[in-house]
């Protein structure tokens, strides 16, 4: 019996991360272990971009002295 892949969550939003194609499919295609791909993709792209935008705006506001 094959072990179920453990689901991991995005640290920014807390929602599960689902890889498409799956880590197992990527593993078969590339020869890398499936866990390699699970560790590689640790956050949703949209979450990472939103955080980067927020952090950038916060930095701009701090450096310009705006609230």
Protein backbone atom coordinates (compact mmCIF):
# COMPACT_ATOMS: atom_id res chain seq x y z
CA UNK A 1 0.00 0.00 0.00
CA UNK A 2 1.32 3.44 -0.96
CA UNK A 3 1.62 6.07 1.76
CA UNK A 4 -0.56 9.13 1.31
CA UNK A 5 1.46 12.26 0.61
CA UNK A 6 1.33 14.57 3.57
CA UNK A 7 -0.43 17.82 2.84
CA UNK A 8 1.40 20.99 3.66
CA UNK A 9 -0.04 24.43 4.08
CA UNK A 10 0.93 27.86 2.89
CA UNK A 11 2.49 29.76 5.81
CA UNK A 12 0.96 33.01 4.54
CA UNK A 13 -2.71 32.01 4.28
CA UNK A 14 -2.91 28.64 6.04
CA UNK A 15 -4.61 26.91 3.10
CA UNK A 16 -3.34 23.57 1.75
CA UNK A 17 -0.90 23.64 -1.17
CA UNK A 18 -1.91 21.47 -4.10
CA UNK A 19 0.66 20.93 -6.82
CA UNK A 20 -0.53 20.56 -10.41
CA UNK A 21 0.92 18.31 -11.71
CA UNK A 22 1.32 16.48 -8.43
CA UNK A 23 4.66 15.91 -6.74
CA UNK A 24 4.43 12.24 -7.69
CA UNK A 25 3.87 13.06 -11.36
CA UNK A 26 6.79 15.49 -11.34
CA UNK A 27 8.88 12.81 -9.64
CA UNK A 28 8.14 10.23 -12.34
CA UNK A 29 8.93 12.75 -15.06
CA UNK A 30 12.21 14.08 -13.64
CA UNK A 31 13.59 11.30 -11.44
CA UNK A 32 13.75 13.62 -8.41
CA UNK A 33 12.03 12.37 -5.23
CA UNK A 34 8.45 13.61 -4.76
CA UNK A 35 9.40 15.18 -1.43
CA UNK A 36 11.84 17.43 -3.33
CA UNK A 37 8.90 19.12 -5.05
CA UNK A 38 6.87 19.36 -1.86
CA UNK A 39 9.78 21.20 -0.20
CA UNK A 40 10.39 23.34 -3.28
CA UNK A 41 6.89 24.84 -3.42
CA UNK A 42 6.21 26.20 0.06
CA UNK A 43 3.67 28.96 -0.61
CA UNK A 44 0.99 29.91 -3.10
CA UNK A 45 2.21 32.22 -5.85
CA UNK A 46 -0.63 34.67 -5.22
CA UNK A 47 0.17 34.76 -1.50
CA UNK A 48 3.88 35.36 -2.12
CA UNK A 49 3.13 38.19 -4.56
CA UNK A 50 0.61 39.80 -2.20
CA UNK A 51 3.11 39.64 0.67
CA UNK A 52 5.86 41.12 -1.50
CA UNK A 53 3.57 43.98 -2.55
CA UNK A 54 2.53 44.67 1.05
CA UNK A 55 6.12 44.58 2.28
CA UNK A 56 7.23 46.91 -0.52
CA UNK A 57 4.45 49.41 0.22
CA UNK A 58 5.26 49.26 3.95
CA UNK A 59 8.93 49.96 3.20
CA UNK A 60 8.06 52.90 0.94
CA UNK A 61 5.76 54.36 3.59
CA UNK A 62 8.39 53.95 6.31
CA UNK A 63 11.14 55.56 4.26
CA UNK A 64 8.93 58.48 3.26
CA UNK A 65 7.57 58.92 6.77
CA UNK A 66 3.96 58.26 5.77
CA UNK A 67 1.52 56.42 8.07
